[in-house]
Protein backbone atom coordinates (compact mmCIF):
# COMPACT_ATOMS: atom_id res chain seq x y z
CA MET A 1 -63.20 35.55 10.08
CA SER A 2 -65.15 37.76 7.67
CA ALA A 3 -63.70 41.02 6.38
CA SER A 4 -66.35 42.94 8.28
CA HIS A 5 -64.84 41.69 11.54
CA LEU A 6 -61.26 42.64 10.71
CA GLN A 7 -60.02 45.73 12.50
CA VAL A 8 -57.69 47.83 10.37
CA PRO A 9 -55.38 49.99 12.49
CA ALA A 10 -56.08 53.68 12.11
CA PRO A 11 -53.28 55.53 10.31
CA VAL A 12 -50.95 57.69 12.36
CA ARG A 13 -51.91 61.34 11.87
CA VAL A 14 -49.05 63.79 11.45
CA LEU A 15 -49.27 67.57 11.17
CA VAL A 16 -46.38 69.19 9.27
CA VAL A 17 -45.97 72.96 9.64
CA GLU A 18 -43.35 74.19 7.14
CA ASP A 19 -43.31 77.44 5.16
CA ASP A 20 -41.13 76.17 2.30
CA ALA A 21 -43.59 74.69 -0.18
CA VAL A 22 -41.03 72.34 -1.75
CA ILE A 23 -39.90 70.89 1.59
CA ARG A 24 -43.47 70.73 2.86
CA ARG A 25 -44.64 68.76 -0.17
CA ALA A 26 -41.60 66.48 -0.16
CA VAL A 27 -42.07 65.60 3.51
CA GLN A 28 -45.79 65.06 3.01
CA LEU A 29 -45.32 62.69 0.05
CA ALA A 30 -42.54 60.78 1.78
CA LEU A 31 -44.53 60.26 4.98
CA GLU A 32 -47.63 59.26 3.04
CA ARG A 33 -45.57 56.58 1.29
CA TYR A 34 -44.81 55.20 4.75
CA GLY A 35 -48.54 55.07 5.49
CA TYR A 36 -48.92 58.20 7.60
CA GLU A 37 -51.95 60.45 7.25
CA VAL A 38 -50.46 63.92 6.78
CA THR A 39 -51.96 67.38 7.23
CA VAL A 40 -49.86 70.39 6.23
CA ALA A 41 -49.78 74.10 7.04
CA GLY A 42 -47.56 76.86 5.68
CA ASP A 43 -47.24 79.21 8.65
CA GLY A 44 -47.48 79.19 12.42
CA LEU A 45 -50.98 80.60 12.74
CA ASP A 46 -52.41 78.19 10.17
CA GLY A 47 -50.52 75.42 11.97
CA LEU A 48 -52.14 76.36 15.27
CA GLU A 49 -55.55 76.38 13.62
CA ALA A 50 -54.92 72.98 12.01
CA PHE A 51 -53.74 71.57 15.34
CA ARG A 52 -56.89 72.74 17.08
CA ALA A 53 -59.16 71.56 14.26
CA GLY A 54 -58.03 67.94 14.26
CA ARG A 55 -56.59 65.16 16.36
CA HIS A 56 -52.96 64.44 15.58
CA ASP A 57 -50.59 61.79 16.88
CA LEU A 58 -47.44 63.81 16.19
CA LEU A 59 -46.44 67.31 15.07
CA ILE A 60 -43.46 68.34 12.93
CA LEU A 61 -42.73 72.06 13.27
CA ASP A 62 -40.19 74.16 11.39
CA VAL A 63 -38.37 76.65 13.62
CA MET A 64 -38.52 79.58 11.18
CA LEU A 65 -42.19 80.20 10.36
CA PRO A 66 -44.02 83.39 9.33
CA GLY A 67 -46.78 84.75 11.52
CA LEU A 68 -45.93 82.65 14.55
CA ASP A 69 -42.54 80.97 14.63
CA GLY A 70 -42.07 77.33 15.52
CA ILE A 71 -40.86 78.09 19.04
CA GLY A 72 -43.94 80.17 19.81
CA LEU A 73 -46.19 77.62 18.16
CA CYS A 74 -44.69 74.83 20.26
CA ARG A 75 -45.29 76.85 23.44
CA ARG A 76 -48.92 77.46 22.47
CA ILE A 77 -49.43 73.78 21.75
CA ARG A 78 -47.85 72.75 25.05
CA GLU A 79 -50.43 74.89 26.86
CA GLU A 80 -53.10 72.59 25.45
CA SER A 81 -51.55 69.21 24.69
CA LEU A 82 -48.72 66.75 25.38
CA VAL A 83 -48.72 65.43 21.79
CA PRO A 84 -45.17 64.54 20.64
CA VAL A 85 -43.44 67.44 18.85
CA LEU A 86 -40.48 67.13 16.49
CA MET A 87 -38.75 70.39 15.54
CA MET A 88 -36.98 70.99 12.22
CA SER A 89 -34.10 73.46 12.19
CA ALA A 90 -32.37 74.76 9.07
CA ARG A 91 -29.05 75.08 10.86
CA GLY A 92 -28.85 72.77 13.83
CA ASP A 93 -27.72 75.90 15.62
CA ALA A 94 -27.39 75.35 19.37
CA LEU A 95 -29.72 78.26 20.12
CA ASP A 96 -32.42 76.91 17.79
CA VAL A 97 -32.13 73.42 19.23
CA VAL A 98 -32.17 74.47 22.88
CA SER A 99 -34.97 77.01 22.34
CA GLY A 100 -37.15 74.38 20.69
CA LEU A 101 -36.54 71.84 23.43
CA GLU A 102 -37.15 74.43 26.15
CA ALA A 103 -40.45 75.31 24.48
CA GLY A 104 -41.53 71.70 25.00
CA ALA A 105 -40.39 69.86 21.87
CA ASP A 106 -39.37 66.24 22.32
CA ASP A 107 -36.70 66.02 19.64
CA TYR A 108 -35.33 67.78 16.56
CA VAL A 109 -33.88 67.11 13.12
CA VAL A 110 -31.69 69.33 10.96
CA LYS A 111 -32.65 70.35 7.42
CA PRO A 112 -32.12 69.23 4.73
CA VAL A 113 -34.05 66.34 6.23
CA ASP A 114 -33.00 62.77 5.56
CA ILE A 115 -36.35 60.99 5.27
CA GLY A 116 -34.98 57.79 6.74
CA ILE A 117 -33.82 59.65 9.85
CA LEU A 118 -37.09 61.58 10.03
CA VAL A 119 -39.18 58.40 9.94
CA ALA A 120 -36.92 56.75 12.52
CA ARG A 121 -37.36 59.72 14.86
CA ILE A 122 -41.14 59.67 14.32
CA ARG A 123 -41.31 55.99 15.17
CA THR A 124 -39.22 56.52 18.27
CA LEU A 125 -41.45 59.35 19.48
CA LEU A 126 -44.57 57.28 18.90
CA ARG A 127 -43.06 54.30 20.76
CA ARG A 128 -42.20 56.64 23.60
CA GLY A 129 -45.92 57.12 24.18
CA THR A 130 -46.28 53.35 24.74
CA PHE A 131 -44.75 52.67 28.11
CA ARG A 132 -42.93 49.60 29.26
CA PRO A 133 -44.21 47.58 32.23
CA ALA A 134 -43.34 48.46 35.79
CA PRO A 135 -39.64 48.05 36.65
CA ASP A 136 -38.25 44.69 37.70
CA PRO A 137 -38.68 44.49 41.51
CA ALA A 138 -35.12 43.18 41.73
CA GLN A 139 -33.80 46.38 40.16
CA ALA A 140 -36.02 49.25 41.22
CA ALA A 141 -36.16 50.41 44.81
CA GLY A 142 -37.93 53.11 46.74
CA ALA A 143 -36.48 55.83 48.93
CA ASP A 144 -35.86 53.39 51.77
CA GLY A 145 -33.89 51.06 49.50
CA ALA A 146 -36.55 48.35 49.62
CA ALA A 147 -37.35 46.55 46.39
CA ALA A 148 -40.31 47.83 44.43
CA VAL A 149 -43.45 45.71 44.66
CA PRO A 150 -45.82 45.49 41.68
CA GLY A 151 -48.84 47.68 42.41
CA ARG A 152 -47.07 49.65 45.14
CA PRO A 153 -46.11 53.23 44.24
CA LEU A 154 -42.51 54.37 44.49
CA VAL A 155 -41.97 57.23 46.93
CA PHE A 156 -39.03 59.64 46.88
CA GLY A 157 -39.59 62.33 49.49
CA ASP A 158 -42.64 64.33 48.37
CA LEU A 159 -42.66 62.57 45.00
CA THR A 160 -44.87 59.52 44.37
CA ILE A 161 -44.77 57.47 41.17
CA ASP A 162 -47.67 55.13 40.44
CA LEU A 163 -46.02 52.51 38.21
CA LEU A 164 -49.23 50.82 37.15
CA GLY A 165 -51.27 53.94 36.48
CA LEU A 166 -48.22 55.82 35.14
CA GLU A 167 -49.15 58.82 37.25
CA VAL A 168 -46.89 61.12 39.23
CA TYR A 169 -47.79 63.14 42.32
CA ARG A 170 -45.93 65.79 44.25
CA ASP A 171 -47.23 66.57 47.72
CA GLY A 172 -50.35 64.65 46.72
CA ARG A 173 -51.01 66.83 43.68
CA PRO A 174 -50.83 65.34 40.18
CA VAL A 175 -47.84 66.31 38.04
CA LEU A 176 -48.53 66.49 34.31
CA LEU A 177 -45.57 65.05 32.37
CA SER A 178 -45.06 64.57 28.67
CA PRO A 179 -44.28 61.00 27.51
CA THR A 180 -40.60 61.90 27.21
CA GLU A 181 -40.49 63.45 30.68
CA LEU A 182 -42.24 60.44 32.18
CA ARG A 183 -39.86 58.02 30.50
CA LEU A 184 -36.93 60.04 31.83
CA LEU A 185 -38.34 59.99 35.35
CA LEU A 186 -38.95 56.23 35.14
CA ALA A 187 -35.35 55.71 34.04
CA PHE A 188 -34.18 57.56 37.15
CA ALA A 189 -36.71 55.79 39.39
CA GLU A 190 -35.42 52.40 38.24
CA ASN A 191 -31.96 53.44 39.44
CA PRO A 192 -32.45 55.59 42.57
CA GLY A 193 -29.25 57.08 43.89
CA ARG A 194 -27.31 55.79 40.88
CA VAL A 195 -25.61 58.19 38.47
CA LEU A 196 -26.88 57.81 34.91
CA ASP A 197 -24.73 59.34 32.20
CA ARG A 198 -26.24 61.20 29.27
CA ARG A 199 -25.37 58.52 26.73
CA ARG A 200 -27.22 55.88 28.70
CA LEU A 201 -30.25 58.16 29.01
CA LEU A 202 -30.16 58.82 25.25
CA HIS A 203 -30.25 55.08 24.69
CA ASP A 204 -32.89 54.24 27.30
CA VAL A 205 -35.23 57.22 26.89
CA TRP A 206 -34.65 58.57 23.38
CA ASP A 207 -33.71 55.23 21.83
CA TYR A 208 -30.60 56.78 20.25
CA GLY A 209 -27.31 55.16 19.51
CA TRP A 210 -24.06 56.97 20.18
CA GLU A 211 -24.84 59.63 17.59
CA GLY A 212 -27.52 61.30 19.72
CA ASP A 213 -27.26 64.89 20.89
CA THR A 214 -26.84 65.05 24.67
CA ARG A 215 -28.38 68.53 24.73
CA VAL A 216 -31.82 66.94 24.56
CA VAL A 217 -31.07 65.19 27.86
CA ASP A 218 -29.93 68.34 29.61
CA VAL A 219 -32.93 70.39 28.52
CA CYS A 220 -35.42 67.64 29.39
CA VAL A 221 -33.85 67.29 32.85
CA VAL A 222 -34.35 71.04 33.34
CA ARG A 223 -38.01 70.72 32.33
CA LEU A 224 -38.48 67.71 34.62
CA ARG A 225 -36.89 69.51 37.57
CA LYS A 226 -39.35 72.38 37.20
CA LYS A 227 -42.20 69.92 37.63
CA ILE A 228 -40.95 67.54 40.33
CA GLY A 229 -38.64 69.87 42.27
CA ALA A 230 -35.29 71.38 41.38
CA ASP A 231 -33.46 69.48 44.12
CA ARG A 232 -34.93 66.05 43.30
CA ILE A 233 -32.45 65.33 40.49
CA GLU A 234 -28.81 66.01 41.29
CA THR A 235 -26.16 66.88 38.71
CA VAL A 236 -22.92 64.95 39.12
CA ARG A 237 -20.45 67.06 37.17
CA GLY A 238 -18.56 65.22 34.50
CA PHE A 239 -20.76 62.13 34.83
CA GLY A 240 -24.50 62.73 34.60
CA TYR A 241 -27.55 62.85 36.85
CA LYS A 242 -29.13 60.87 39.67
CA LEU A 243 -32.49 60.80 41.42
CA LEU A 244 -32.15 61.41 45.14
CA ARG A 245 -33.78 58.79 47.34
CA THR A 246 -35.22 61.22 49.89
């Protein structure tokens, strides 16, 4: 096959919004060594402009930014896009972490950033946008307990999940979910009525080992409940969560 017929994969485009010039440059150079195409901005307003000016596969936002902080920037972005967002916090403070996740971020890392961990998180977030096939019919079941059939949507009360089209409807109206929220819902849908603990969800949805922070699960469940109905996912205290069949 001639070189003209070879298709070279397009580089992954990452936007880094960080006000510290040293950290910003270090992250940019490190990611470029891994083959990422990196755009940088030094404050929240410039970051918003850069986001709107180009197409990006993933965003890395510092929490503490001048002009428009990372939390506000994440909220503005979520009004326009479901692009994966990774927050960077200088402290790992619970308030910073939870606020970023509630604003719509998918994950977070604590500064000073370990580049190996950062790249691993980026790869995980990008994989999360590539969904697995429909659940095994022997494992997944609908509200009536019957096995799922390929091509047939799963129905849980007013909630319908199209496994092939990866679309979700509530009362017939489409529900817009981020890749992380959709993966979380699929994990529940594959185990209707079964309690899933936070560690299992970290492994299945976030692709974490045992070192993952369970706060990301709790906040994402809250976000998912707001979209599919607060009573659709039940909290089982001391254990985890389960999707109700009806």
